[in-house]
N, C-alpha and C. Protein backbone atom coordinates (compact mmCIF):
# COMPACT_ATOMS: atom_id res chain seq x y z
N MET A 1 21.02 0.66 -21.45
CA MET A 1 20.01 0.86 -22.48
C MET A 1 20.70 1.43 -23.73
N ALA A 2 20.42 0.82 -24.86
CA ALA A 2 21.02 1.26 -26.11
C ALA A 2 20.40 2.56 -26.58
N LYS A 3 21.26 3.45 -27.03
CA LYS A 3 20.80 4.74 -27.58
C LYS A 3 20.55 4.56 -29.07
N ARG A 4 19.59 5.35 -29.57
CA ARG A 4 19.36 5.37 -30.99
C ARG A 4 20.53 6.01 -31.68
N ASN A 5 20.87 5.47 -32.84
CA ASN A 5 21.90 6.08 -33.65
C ASN A 5 21.32 7.32 -34.26
N PRO A 6 21.90 8.49 -34.00
CA PRO A 6 21.30 9.72 -34.55
C PRO A 6 21.20 9.65 -36.08
N SER A 7 20.03 10.03 -36.59
CA SER A 7 19.86 10.02 -38.03
C SER A 7 19.90 11.44 -38.56
N PHE A 8 20.79 12.26 -38.01
CA PHE A 8 20.93 13.62 -38.45
C PHE A 8 22.41 13.98 -38.47
N THR A 9 22.72 15.02 -39.18
CA THR A 9 24.11 15.44 -39.39
C THR A 9 24.43 16.66 -38.54
N GLN A 10 25.70 16.93 -38.43
CA GLN A 10 26.15 18.14 -37.73
C GLN A 10 25.60 19.39 -38.45
N GLU A 11 25.49 19.32 -39.78
CA GLU A 11 24.94 20.44 -40.52
C GLU A 11 23.48 20.70 -40.11
N GLU A 12 22.69 19.61 -39.96
CA GLU A 12 21.31 19.77 -39.53
C GLU A 12 21.26 20.36 -38.11
N MET A 13 22.16 19.92 -37.26
CA MET A 13 22.23 20.49 -35.90
C MET A 13 22.51 21.99 -35.97
N ASN A 14 23.44 22.37 -36.80
CA ASN A 14 23.77 23.80 -36.94
C ASN A 14 22.58 24.61 -37.50
N ARG A 15 21.87 24.01 -38.45
CA ARG A 15 20.70 24.72 -38.99
C ARG A 15 19.62 24.90 -37.95
N VAL A 16 19.36 23.88 -37.14
CA VAL A 16 18.38 24.01 -36.06
C VAL A 16 18.83 25.07 -35.05
N LEU A 17 20.10 25.02 -34.66
CA LEU A 17 20.60 25.99 -33.71
C LEU A 17 20.44 27.42 -34.23
N LYS A 18 20.68 27.62 -35.51
CA LYS A 18 20.53 28.98 -36.10
C LYS A 18 19.09 29.48 -36.07
N THR A 19 18.12 28.57 -36.06
CA THR A 19 16.73 29.00 -36.04
C THR A 19 16.25 29.37 -34.63
N LEU A 20 16.91 28.82 -33.62
CA LEU A 20 16.50 29.08 -32.25
C LEU A 20 16.92 30.47 -31.81
N MET A 21 16.01 31.16 -31.14
CA MET A 21 16.26 32.53 -30.70
C MET A 21 16.29 32.59 -29.18
N ARG A 22 16.86 33.67 -28.67
CA ARG A 22 16.89 33.88 -27.23
C ARG A 22 15.57 34.49 -26.76
N GLY A 23 15.11 34.00 -25.61
CA GLY A 23 13.92 34.59 -24.99
C GLY A 23 12.62 33.90 -25.37
N VAL A 24 11.76 33.73 -24.38
CA VAL A 24 10.47 33.08 -24.56
C VAL A 24 9.62 33.79 -25.60
N GLU A 25 9.80 35.09 -25.71
CA GLU A 25 8.99 35.85 -26.71
C GLU A 25 9.35 35.46 -28.13
N ASN A 26 10.47 34.76 -28.32
CA ASN A 26 10.93 34.32 -29.63
C ASN A 26 10.84 32.80 -29.80
N ALA A 27 10.07 32.15 -28.94
CA ALA A 27 9.94 30.69 -28.98
C ALA A 27 9.35 30.23 -30.29
N LYS A 28 9.76 29.03 -30.71
CA LYS A 28 9.27 28.44 -31.97
C LYS A 28 8.89 26.99 -31.73
N HIS A 29 7.78 26.57 -32.31
CA HIS A 29 7.36 25.17 -32.24
C HIS A 29 8.20 24.35 -33.23
N ALA A 30 8.21 23.04 -32.99
CA ALA A 30 9.01 22.12 -33.83
C ALA A 30 8.69 22.29 -35.31
N GLN A 31 7.43 22.44 -35.67
CA GLN A 31 7.06 22.58 -37.10
C GLN A 31 7.73 23.81 -37.70
N GLN A 32 7.76 24.91 -36.97
CA GLN A 32 8.38 26.14 -37.50
C GLN A 32 9.88 25.94 -37.63
N ILE A 33 10.48 25.31 -36.64
CA ILE A 33 11.92 25.04 -36.70
C ILE A 33 12.24 24.16 -37.91
N GLU A 34 11.44 23.13 -38.09
CA GLU A 34 11.65 22.22 -39.23
C GLU A 34 11.53 22.94 -40.57
N LYS A 35 10.56 23.82 -40.65
CA LYS A 35 10.36 24.58 -41.89
C LYS A 35 11.57 25.48 -42.16
N GLU A 36 12.02 26.18 -41.12
CA GLU A 36 13.15 27.11 -41.30
C GLU A 36 14.48 26.37 -41.49
N ALA A 37 14.65 25.22 -40.80
CA ALA A 37 15.93 24.51 -40.86
C ALA A 37 15.94 23.43 -41.92
N GLY A 38 14.77 23.05 -42.41
CA GLY A 38 14.69 22.00 -43.40
C GLY A 38 15.02 20.62 -42.85
N THR A 39 14.63 20.36 -41.58
CA THR A 39 15.00 19.09 -40.97
C THR A 39 13.94 18.01 -41.08
N LEU A 40 12.70 18.38 -41.46
CA LEU A 40 11.64 17.39 -41.49
C LEU A 40 11.82 16.41 -42.66
N LYS A 41 12.31 16.91 -43.77
CA LYS A 41 12.47 16.09 -44.99
C LYS A 41 11.15 15.45 -45.29
N GLU A 42 11.15 14.13 -45.47
CA GLU A 42 9.90 13.44 -45.78
C GLU A 42 9.39 12.63 -44.60
N ARG A 43 9.85 12.95 -43.39
CA ARG A 43 9.43 12.17 -42.23
C ARG A 43 8.06 12.69 -41.79
N ARG A 44 7.35 11.86 -41.03
CA ARG A 44 6.04 12.24 -40.58
C ARG A 44 5.99 12.58 -39.10
N THR A 45 7.14 12.55 -38.45
CA THR A 45 7.13 12.89 -37.00
C THR A 45 8.13 14.04 -36.76
N HIS A 46 8.09 14.56 -35.55
CA HIS A 46 9.01 15.61 -35.17
C HIS A 46 10.26 15.03 -34.50
N PHE A 47 10.43 13.69 -34.57
CA PHE A 47 11.56 13.06 -33.91
C PHE A 47 12.90 13.70 -34.31
N PRO A 48 13.20 13.91 -35.59
CA PRO A 48 14.51 14.45 -35.91
C PRO A 48 14.79 15.78 -35.23
N THR A 49 13.83 16.70 -35.26
CA THR A 49 14.05 18.02 -34.66
C THR A 49 14.18 17.88 -33.14
N ARG A 50 13.34 17.09 -32.52
CA ARG A 50 13.42 16.91 -31.08
C ARG A 50 14.73 16.23 -30.70
N ALA A 51 15.17 15.25 -31.51
CA ALA A 51 16.43 14.58 -31.22
C ALA A 51 17.61 15.55 -31.40
N ILE A 52 17.54 16.42 -32.38
CA ILE A 52 18.59 17.39 -32.59
C ILE A 52 18.64 18.37 -31.39
N ILE A 53 17.46 18.80 -30.94
CA ILE A 53 17.42 19.70 -29.80
C ILE A 53 17.98 19.01 -28.56
N ALA A 54 17.64 17.73 -28.36
CA ALA A 54 18.20 16.99 -27.24
C ALA A 54 19.73 16.91 -27.34
N ALA A 55 20.23 16.70 -28.54
CA ALA A 55 21.69 16.65 -28.73
C ALA A 55 22.34 17.99 -28.45
N LEU A 56 21.68 19.08 -28.86
CA LEU A 56 22.21 20.42 -28.59
C LEU A 56 22.23 20.70 -27.08
N ILE A 57 21.20 20.27 -26.36
CA ILE A 57 21.18 20.44 -24.91
C ILE A 57 22.32 19.65 -24.29
N LYS A 58 22.53 18.42 -24.78
CA LYS A 58 23.64 17.59 -24.29
C LYS A 58 24.98 18.28 -24.50
N GLN A 59 25.10 19.07 -25.57
CA GLN A 59 26.32 19.82 -25.86
C GLN A 59 26.44 21.09 -25.03
N GLY A 60 25.40 21.42 -24.26
CA GLY A 60 25.46 22.55 -23.36
C GLY A 60 24.69 23.80 -23.81
N VAL A 61 23.89 23.68 -24.86
CA VAL A 61 23.10 24.82 -25.30
C VAL A 61 21.87 24.90 -24.39
N PRO A 62 21.64 26.04 -23.74
CA PRO A 62 20.55 26.15 -22.76
C PRO A 62 19.18 26.36 -23.42
N ILE A 63 18.65 25.28 -23.99
CA ILE A 63 17.36 25.31 -24.69
C ILE A 63 16.30 24.85 -23.70
N VAL A 64 15.21 25.59 -23.63
CA VAL A 64 14.04 25.20 -22.83
C VAL A 64 12.83 25.18 -23.73
N SER A 65 11.72 24.65 -23.24
CA SER A 65 10.53 24.61 -24.06
C SER A 65 9.29 24.55 -23.20
N SER A 66 8.18 24.84 -23.84
CA SER A 66 6.87 24.61 -23.24
C SER A 66 5.95 24.19 -24.38
N THR A 67 4.93 23.40 -24.04
CA THR A 67 4.04 22.92 -25.09
C THR A 67 3.26 24.07 -25.74
N GLN A 68 3.00 25.13 -24.96
CA GLN A 68 2.25 26.26 -25.51
C GLN A 68 3.13 27.16 -26.39
N ARG A 69 4.37 27.37 -25.98
CA ARG A 69 5.21 28.35 -26.65
C ARG A 69 6.17 27.76 -27.68
N GLY A 70 6.75 26.60 -27.39
CA GLY A 70 7.76 26.03 -28.26
C GLY A 70 9.12 26.00 -27.59
N TYR A 71 10.18 26.11 -28.41
CA TYR A 71 11.55 26.06 -27.94
C TYR A 71 12.21 27.41 -28.05
N TRP A 72 13.09 27.69 -27.09
CA TRP A 72 13.90 28.92 -27.13
C TRP A 72 15.15 28.73 -26.33
N ILE A 73 16.11 29.62 -26.54
CA ILE A 73 17.36 29.61 -25.78
C ILE A 73 17.20 30.59 -24.64
N THR A 74 17.62 30.15 -23.45
CA THR A 74 17.50 31.03 -22.27
C THR A 74 18.87 31.36 -21.74
N GLU A 75 18.92 32.51 -21.08
CA GLU A 75 20.12 32.92 -20.35
C GLU A 75 19.82 33.02 -18.86
N SER A 76 18.64 32.53 -18.47
CA SER A 76 18.16 32.66 -17.10
C SER A 76 18.33 31.34 -16.33
N PRO A 77 19.17 31.33 -15.29
CA PRO A 77 19.27 30.14 -14.46
C PRO A 77 17.93 29.76 -13.84
N ALA A 78 17.11 30.74 -13.48
CA ALA A 78 15.82 30.45 -12.88
C ALA A 78 14.90 29.74 -13.88
N GLU A 79 14.98 30.14 -15.14
CA GLU A 79 14.18 29.49 -16.17
C GLU A 79 14.65 28.06 -16.41
N LEU A 80 15.97 27.85 -16.41
CA LEU A 80 16.52 26.50 -16.55
C LEU A 80 16.06 25.63 -15.37
N ARG A 81 16.07 26.18 -14.17
CA ARG A 81 15.65 25.45 -12.99
C ARG A 81 14.19 25.03 -13.11
N ARG A 82 13.31 25.97 -13.48
CA ARG A 82 11.89 25.66 -13.65
C ARG A 82 11.69 24.55 -14.68
N TYR A 83 12.43 24.67 -15.77
CA TYR A 83 12.29 23.69 -16.84
C TYR A 83 12.77 22.30 -16.38
N ALA A 84 13.88 22.23 -15.69
CA ALA A 84 14.39 20.94 -15.18
C ALA A 84 13.38 20.34 -14.21
N LEU A 85 12.83 21.14 -13.31
CA LEU A 85 11.82 20.64 -12.35
C LEU A 85 10.58 20.14 -13.09
N SER A 86 10.19 20.83 -14.13
CA SER A 86 9.03 20.42 -14.93
C SER A 86 9.31 19.06 -15.58
N LEU A 87 10.50 18.90 -16.12
CA LEU A 87 10.85 17.61 -16.75
C LEU A 87 10.83 16.47 -15.74
N TYR A 88 11.40 16.71 -14.54
CA TYR A 88 11.38 15.68 -13.51
C TYR A 88 9.96 15.33 -13.09
N SER A 89 9.11 16.32 -12.98
CA SER A 89 7.72 16.09 -12.61
C SER A 89 7.00 15.24 -13.68
N ARG A 90 7.20 15.59 -14.94
CA ARG A 90 6.59 14.83 -16.02
C ARG A 90 7.13 13.39 -16.06
N ALA A 91 8.43 13.24 -15.82
CA ALA A 91 9.01 11.90 -15.79
C ALA A 91 8.42 11.05 -14.66
N ALA A 92 8.20 11.68 -13.50
CA ALA A 92 7.60 10.97 -12.37
C ALA A 92 6.16 10.57 -12.69
N GLU A 93 5.42 11.44 -13.36
CA GLU A 93 4.04 11.12 -13.76
C GLU A 93 4.02 9.95 -14.74
N ILE A 94 4.93 9.94 -15.70
CA ILE A 94 5.02 8.86 -16.68
C ILE A 94 5.41 7.56 -15.98
N ARG A 95 6.34 7.62 -15.06
CA ARG A 95 6.76 6.44 -14.32
C ARG A 95 5.55 5.87 -13.55
N GLN A 96 4.76 6.72 -12.90
CA GLN A 96 3.59 6.24 -12.17
C GLN A 96 2.59 5.58 -13.12
N ARG A 97 2.38 6.17 -14.28
CA ARG A 97 1.46 5.59 -15.25
C ARG A 97 1.97 4.21 -15.70
N ALA A 98 3.27 4.09 -15.93
CA ALA A 98 3.85 2.78 -16.31
C ALA A 98 3.62 1.77 -15.20
N ASN A 99 3.78 2.16 -13.96
CA ASN A 99 3.54 1.25 -12.85
C ASN A 99 2.08 0.84 -12.80
N ASP A 100 1.16 1.78 -13.03
CA ASP A 100 -0.27 1.46 -13.01
C ASP A 100 -0.63 0.49 -14.12
N VAL A 101 -0.07 0.72 -15.31
CA VAL A 101 -0.31 -0.21 -16.44
C VAL A 101 0.27 -1.58 -16.13
N ASN A 102 1.43 -1.60 -15.48
CA ASN A 102 2.04 -2.88 -15.08
C ASN A 102 1.13 -3.64 -14.14
N LEU A 103 0.47 -2.95 -13.21
CA LEU A 103 -0.43 -3.61 -12.29
C LEU A 103 -1.63 -4.23 -13.02
N ILE A 104 -2.15 -3.49 -14.00
CA ILE A 104 -3.26 -4.00 -14.81
C ILE A 104 -2.80 -5.24 -15.57
N HIS A 105 -1.60 -5.16 -16.17
CA HIS A 105 -1.04 -6.29 -16.89
C HIS A 105 -0.90 -7.51 -15.96
N GLU A 106 -0.44 -7.27 -14.74
CA GLU A 106 -0.26 -8.34 -13.77
C GLU A 106 -1.62 -8.98 -13.43
N LYS A 107 -2.66 -8.17 -13.25
CA LYS A 107 -3.99 -8.69 -12.97
C LYS A 107 -4.52 -9.52 -14.13
N MET A 108 -4.20 -9.13 -15.35
CA MET A 108 -4.68 -9.83 -16.53
C MET A 108 -3.95 -11.12 -16.76
N THR A 109 -2.62 -11.12 -16.51
CA THR A 109 -1.78 -12.26 -16.91
C THR A 109 -1.18 -13.01 -15.73
N GLY A 110 -1.18 -12.39 -14.55
CA GLY A 110 -0.51 -13.01 -13.41
C GLY A 110 1.00 -12.76 -13.42
N GLU A 111 1.48 -11.99 -14.38
CA GLU A 111 2.92 -11.69 -14.50
C GLU A 111 3.15 -10.21 -14.51
N LYS A 112 4.22 -9.78 -13.84
CA LYS A 112 4.66 -8.38 -13.89
C LYS A 112 5.56 -8.18 -15.10
N ILE A 113 5.52 -7.01 -15.65
CA ILE A 113 6.47 -6.63 -16.70
C ILE A 113 7.76 -6.27 -15.98
N GLU A 114 8.84 -6.87 -16.40
CA GLU A 114 10.15 -6.56 -15.80
C GLU A 114 10.82 -5.49 -16.64
N PHE A 115 10.97 -4.32 -16.03
CA PHE A 115 11.63 -3.20 -16.71
C PHE A 115 13.12 -3.24 -16.38
N PRO A 116 13.97 -3.00 -17.37
CA PRO A 116 15.39 -2.85 -17.04
C PRO A 116 15.52 -1.68 -16.06
N PRO A 117 16.37 -1.82 -15.02
CA PRO A 117 16.46 -0.77 -13.99
C PRO A 117 16.71 0.62 -14.53
N GLN A 118 17.55 0.78 -15.55
CA GLN A 118 17.87 2.10 -16.06
C GLN A 118 16.69 2.75 -16.75
N GLN A 119 15.71 1.97 -17.21
CA GLN A 119 14.54 2.54 -17.86
C GLN A 119 13.64 3.23 -16.84
N MET A 120 13.74 2.89 -15.59
CA MET A 120 12.87 3.47 -14.58
C MET A 120 13.59 4.51 -13.73
N ASP A 121 14.85 4.74 -14.01
CA ASP A 121 15.61 5.77 -13.27
C ASP A 121 15.20 7.15 -13.72
N LEU A 122 15.19 8.07 -12.76
CA LEU A 122 14.91 9.47 -13.11
C LEU A 122 16.19 10.23 -13.11
């Protein structure tokens, strides 16, 4: 599966990292991070900030999030574990929904949607 070419710079990554604080009590939502880091520019989605956070996690920064609280840096292995399990659970739910939609599509058209194997891997 082809990855999107990141449309952000190392400087933007550093600015986002500087806005993130340690501890859930210091969590920030994407809009607040964008305002502080200046990453939204003229875009209408939170994709750049979320993509930057994903890249920071890939680099080993222990960032976790919740929809209610936002993003924060953790030093707790237990918190990382809970977050990873939550992500796997959400991925499984999305996979099931995709399968259900595929069944509806098959009933309508007589054809299954063929997903590339890596798109359905967890």
